[in-house]
Amino acid sequence: MFCHFVYWLMCQLLKGVTENGTAKSITLKNRMDTAGKTGTSGSDRDRLFIGFTSCYTAGIWCGYADGVT
């Protein structure tokens, strides 16, 4: 079980991704704080975003399941 400080710190780090980082365009127009993590595959063919608010969690993956580009 994590202490509250670790939870708070992780949320602050992941909020940076949606406030100033690679997912800056993913916002809820100041209605709700957002946080998340972006990623790509080694060959840069697949992209993903996992994000959350205090009420919702969502994941998006864009790529090719069969490895074809």
C-alpha atoms as a PDB file:
ATOM      1  CA  MET A   1       0.000   0.000   0.000  1.00  0.00           C
ATOM      2  CA  PHE A   2       1.367   3.393  -0.966  1.00  0.00           C
ATOM      3  CA  CYS A   3       1.366   6.310   1.394  1.00  0.00           C
ATOM      4  CA  HIS A   4      -0.602   9.401   0.402  1.00  0.00           C
ATOM      5  CA  PHE A   5       2.561  11.339  -0.464  1.00  0.00           C
ATOM      6  CA  VAL A   6       3.621   8.766  -3.072  1.00  0.00           C
ATOM      7  CA  TYR A   7       0.138   8.826  -4.614  1.00  0.00           C
ATOM      8  CA  TRP A   8       0.156  12.652  -4.696  1.00  0.00           C
ATOM      9  CA  LEU A   9       3.657  12.764  -6.192  1.00  0.00           C
ATOM     10  CA  MET A  10       2.820  10.295  -8.971  1.00  0.00           C
ATOM     11  CA  CYS A  11      -0.318  12.272  -9.839  1.00  0.00           C
ATOM     12  CA  GLN A  12       1.715  15.488 -10.030  1.00  0.00           C
ATOM     13  CA  LEU A  13       4.279  13.868 -12.324  1.00  0.00           C
ATOM     14  CA  LEU A  14       1.597  12.444 -14.614  1.00  0.00           C
ATOM     15  CA  LYS A  15      -0.294  15.763 -14.662  1.00  0.00           C
ATOM     16  CA  GLY A  16       2.840  17.255 -16.221  1.00  0.00           C
ATOM     17  CA  VAL A  17       2.302  15.054 -19.279  1.00  0.00           C
ATOM     18  CA  THR A  18      -1.089  16.651 -20.006  1.00  0.00           C
ATOM     19  CA  GLU A  19      -0.153  20.166 -18.881  1.00  0.00           C
ATOM     20  CA  ASN A  20       3.239  20.642 -20.538  1.00  0.00           C
ATOM     21  CA  GLY A  21       4.277  17.389 -22.155  1.00  0.00           C
ATOM     22  CA  THR A  22       3.500  15.103 -25.060  1.00  0.00           C
ATOM     23  CA  ALA A  23      -0.245  14.971 -24.284  1.00  0.00           C
ATOM     24  CA  LYS A  24      -0.724  18.715 -23.859  1.00  0.00           C
ATOM     25  CA  SER A  25      -3.566  18.735 -26.402  1.00  0.00           C
ATOM     26  CA  ILE A  26      -5.597  16.312 -24.249  1.00  0.00           C
ATOM     27  CA  THR A  27      -7.488  18.573 -21.858  1.00  0.00           C
ATOM     28  CA  LEU A  28     -10.990  18.941 -20.510  1.00  0.00           C
ATOM     29  CA  LYS A  29     -11.011  22.744 -20.883  1.00  0.00           C
ATOM     30  CA  ASN A  30     -10.211  23.397 -17.212  1.00  0.00           C
ATOM     31  CA  ARG A  31     -13.264  21.418 -16.085  1.00  0.00           C
ATOM     32  CA  MET A  32     -11.252  18.636 -14.518  1.00  0.00           C
ATOM     33  CA  ASP A  33      -7.570  17.928 -13.866  1.00  0.00           C
ATOM     34  CA  THR A  34      -6.150  15.321 -16.237  1.00  0.00           C
ATOM     35  CA  ALA A  35      -3.047  13.187 -15.976  1.00  0.00           C
ATOM     36  CA  GLY A  36      -1.594  10.365 -18.016  1.00  0.00           C
ATOM     37  CA  LYS A  37       1.241   8.642 -19.787  1.00  0.00           C
ATOM     38  CA  THR A  38       2.045   8.439 -23.484  1.00  0.00           C
ATOM     39  CA  GLY A  39       4.129   5.811 -25.207  1.00  0.00           C
ATOM     40  CA  THR A  40       5.320   4.405 -28.519  1.00  0.00           C
ATOM     41  CA  SER A  41       6.675   1.069 -29.668  1.00  0.00           C
ATOM     42  CA  GLY A  42      10.358   0.664 -30.400  1.00  0.00           C
ATOM     43  CA  SER A  43       9.740   0.956 -34.129  1.00  0.00           C
ATOM     44  CA  ASP A  44       7.413   3.960 -33.592  1.00  0.00           C
ATOM     45  CA  ARG A  45       4.526   2.156 -35.346  1.00  0.00           C
ATOM     46  CA  ASP A  46       2.284   1.968 -32.295  1.00  0.00           C
ATOM     47  CA  ARG A  47       1.229   4.821 -30.011  1.00  0.00           C
ATOM     48  CA  LEU A  48      -0.700   4.797 -26.766  1.00  0.00           C
ATOM     49  CA  PHE A  49      -2.119   7.084 -24.116  1.00  0.00           C
ATOM     50  CA  ILE A  50      -3.420   6.051 -20.713  1.00  0.00           C
ATOM     51  CA  GLY A  51      -5.070   8.890 -18.849  1.00  0.00           C
ATOM     52  CA  PHE A  52      -7.174   9.575 -15.801  1.00  0.00           C
ATOM     53  CA  THR A  53      -9.125  12.185 -13.882  1.00  0.00           C
ATOM     54  CA  SER A  54     -10.600  11.930 -10.414  1.00  0.00           C
ATOM     55  CA  CYS A  55     -13.666  10.249 -11.998  1.00  0.00           C
ATOM     56  CA  TYR A  56     -12.545   8.521 -15.215  1.00  0.00           C
ATOM     57  CA  THR A  57      -9.786   6.340 -16.623  1.00  0.00           C
ATOM     58  CA  ALA A  58      -9.217   5.790 -20.347  1.00  0.00           C
ATOM     59  CA  GLY A  59      -6.733   4.094 -22.623  1.00  0.00           C
ATOM     60  CA  ILE A  60      -6.170   4.626 -26.342  1.00  0.00           C
ATOM     61  CA  TRP A  61      -3.951   2.518 -28.585  1.00  0.00           C
ATOM     62  CA  CYS A  62      -3.283   3.259 -32.256  1.00  0.00           C
ATOM     63  CA  GLY A  63      -1.330   0.739 -34.271  1.00  0.00           C
ATOM     64  CA  TYR A  64      -1.383  -2.509 -36.209  1.00  0.00           C
ATOM     65  CA  ALA A  65      -2.279  -5.697 -34.352  1.00  0.00           C
ATOM     66  CA  ASP A  66      -0.779  -7.948 -37.051  1.00  0.00           C
ATOM     67  CA  GLY A  67       2.506  -6.021 -37.314  1.00  0.00           C
ATOM     68  CA  VAL A  68       1.790  -4.722 -40.838  1.00  0.00           C
ATOM     69  CA  THR A  69       2.458  -1.048 -41.459  1.00  0.00           C
END
